[in-house]
């Protein structure tokens, strides 16, 4: 067997710095409350292109359903100009904004701790 005299990929001081940063991130994750973890999960779901597609599908189905109800002579749940849809969209935007703000605040704490 050959001697294992591999040259390190990174110099020692860089490796130590990387390890220290990884430890800060790990400690930050461990200190997260269950609420923070839930917010992080929700934010990661909202931050995916799939979520935009899902929202678009829900809005289109909402409009289609209510127009179909109206065209068949039945009373639509949310008649044109769709005030219920507007309210749902507004509440969704409010919640997404709050999720982003909470996540950003927590990331700022990590940045301050890292500095």
Protein backbone atom coordinates (compact mmCIF):
# COMPACT_ATOMS: atom_id res chain seq x y z
CA UNK A 1 0.00 0.00 0.00
CA UNK A 2 1.16 3.48 -0.77
CA UNK A 3 1.62 6.10 1.90
CA UNK A 4 -1.44 8.30 2.33
CA UNK A 5 0.29 11.62 1.86
CA UNK A 6 -2.47 13.41 0.04
CA UNK A 7 -2.21 17.14 -0.20
CA UNK A 8 -5.12 18.84 1.54
CA UNK A 9 -7.60 20.42 -0.83
CA UNK A 10 -7.85 23.57 1.27
CA UNK A 11 -5.23 25.23 3.45
CA UNK A 12 -5.74 24.61 7.17
CA UNK A 13 -6.90 28.16 8.00
CA UNK A 14 -9.57 28.01 5.32
CA UNK A 15 -10.70 24.58 6.48
CA UNK A 16 -10.99 25.92 10.05
CA UNK A 17 -13.03 28.89 8.83
CA UNK A 18 -15.37 26.65 6.86
CA UNK A 19 -15.81 24.40 9.91
CA UNK A 20 -16.51 27.41 12.14
CA UNK A 21 -19.15 28.74 9.74
CA UNK A 22 -20.74 25.30 9.50
CA UNK A 23 -20.87 25.13 13.30
CA UNK A 24 -22.54 28.57 13.47
CA UNK A 25 -25.18 27.41 10.98
CA UNK A 26 -25.73 24.17 12.88
CA UNK A 27 -26.07 26.00 16.19
CA UNK A 28 -28.49 28.48 14.59
CA UNK A 29 -30.60 25.59 13.27
CA UNK A 30 -30.58 23.82 16.64
CA UNK A 31 -31.75 26.99 18.41
CA UNK A 32 -34.72 27.39 16.08
CA UNK A 33 -38.05 27.09 17.84
CA UNK A 34 -40.72 24.78 16.44
CA UNK A 35 -42.53 27.88 15.17
CA UNK A 36 -39.42 29.06 13.32
CA UNK A 37 -39.01 25.62 11.78
CA UNK A 38 -42.65 25.64 10.66
CA UNK A 39 -42.21 29.12 9.15
CA UNK A 40 -39.07 27.94 7.35
CA UNK A 41 -40.96 24.98 5.90
CA UNK A 42 -43.86 27.17 4.77
CA UNK A 43 -41.51 29.74 3.23
CA UNK A 44 -39.67 27.02 1.34
CA UNK A 45 -42.99 25.78 -0.07
CA UNK A 46 -44.08 29.29 -1.11
CA UNK A 47 -40.68 29.99 -2.70
CA UNK A 48 -41.09 27.27 -5.34
CA UNK A 49 -42.38 27.84 -8.89
CA UNK A 50 -44.84 25.01 -8.26
CA UNK A 51 -46.62 27.23 -5.72
CA UNK A 52 -47.21 29.95 -8.33
CA UNK A 53 -48.65 27.33 -10.66
CA UNK A 54 -50.90 26.00 -7.90
CA UNK A 55 -52.14 29.50 -7.03
CA UNK A 56 -52.86 30.19 -10.70
CA UNK A 57 -54.77 26.93 -11.00
CA UNK A 58 -56.85 27.71 -7.89
CA UNK A 59 -57.69 31.20 -9.17
CA UNK A 60 -58.64 29.91 -12.65
CA UNK A 61 -60.80 27.13 -11.16
CA UNK A 62 -62.45 29.63 -8.79
CA UNK A 63 -63.37 31.92 -11.69
CA UNK A 64 -64.44 29.03 -13.93
CA UNK A 65 -66.64 27.50 -11.22
CA UNK A 66 -68.40 30.77 -10.48
CA UNK A 67 -68.92 31.64 -14.16
CA UNK A 68 -70.23 28.12 -14.83
CA UNK A 69 -72.68 28.49 -11.94
CA UNK A 70 -73.88 31.79 -13.37
CA UNK A 71 -74.20 30.41 -16.92
CA UNK A 72 -76.28 27.45 -15.71
CA UNK A 73 -78.68 29.80 -13.94
CA UNK A 74 -77.56 29.02 -10.42
CA UNK A 75 -76.39 31.58 -7.89
CA UNK A 76 -72.56 31.73 -7.95
CA UNK A 77 -70.75 31.48 -4.63
CA UNK A 78 -68.59 34.48 -5.58
CA UNK A 79 -70.22 36.49 -8.39
CA UNK A 80 -68.34 38.76 -10.79
CA UNK A 81 -66.17 40.81 -9.95
CA UNK A 82 -65.20 38.03 -7.50
CA UNK A 83 -64.84 39.89 -4.19
CA UNK A 84 -64.21 36.59 -2.38
CA UNK A 85 -61.32 35.80 -4.70
CA UNK A 86 -59.94 39.29 -4.14
CA UNK A 87 -60.12 38.79 -0.38
CA UNK A 88 -58.49 35.37 -0.61
CA UNK A 89 -55.72 36.79 -2.79
CA UNK A 90 -55.16 39.67 -0.38
CA UNK A 91 -54.96 37.35 2.62
CA UNK A 92 -52.58 35.04 0.77
CA UNK A 93 -50.34 37.99 -0.09
CA UNK A 94 -50.41 39.18 3.53
CA UNK A 95 -49.42 35.77 4.88
CA UNK A 96 -46.66 35.32 2.30
CA UNK A 97 -45.30 38.77 3.19
CA UNK A 98 -45.26 37.93 6.89
CA UNK A 99 -43.54 34.58 6.21
CA UNK A 100 -40.86 36.33 4.19
CA UNK A 101 -40.32 38.97 6.87
CA UNK A 102 -40.01 36.37 9.63
CA UNK A 103 -37.56 34.33 7.54
CA UNK A 104 -35.51 37.43 6.66
CA UNK A 105 -35.33 38.48 10.32
CA UNK A 106 -34.08 35.04 11.31
CA UNK A 107 -31.49 35.10 8.51
CA UNK A 108 -30.35 38.53 9.72
CA UNK A 109 -29.81 37.04 13.19
CA UNK A 110 -27.62 34.37 11.61
CA UNK A 111 -25.65 36.99 9.71
CA UNK A 112 -25.09 39.04 12.88
CA UNK A 113 -24.02 35.94 14.79
CA UNK A 114 -21.64 34.95 12.01
CA UNK A 115 -20.01 38.40 12.04
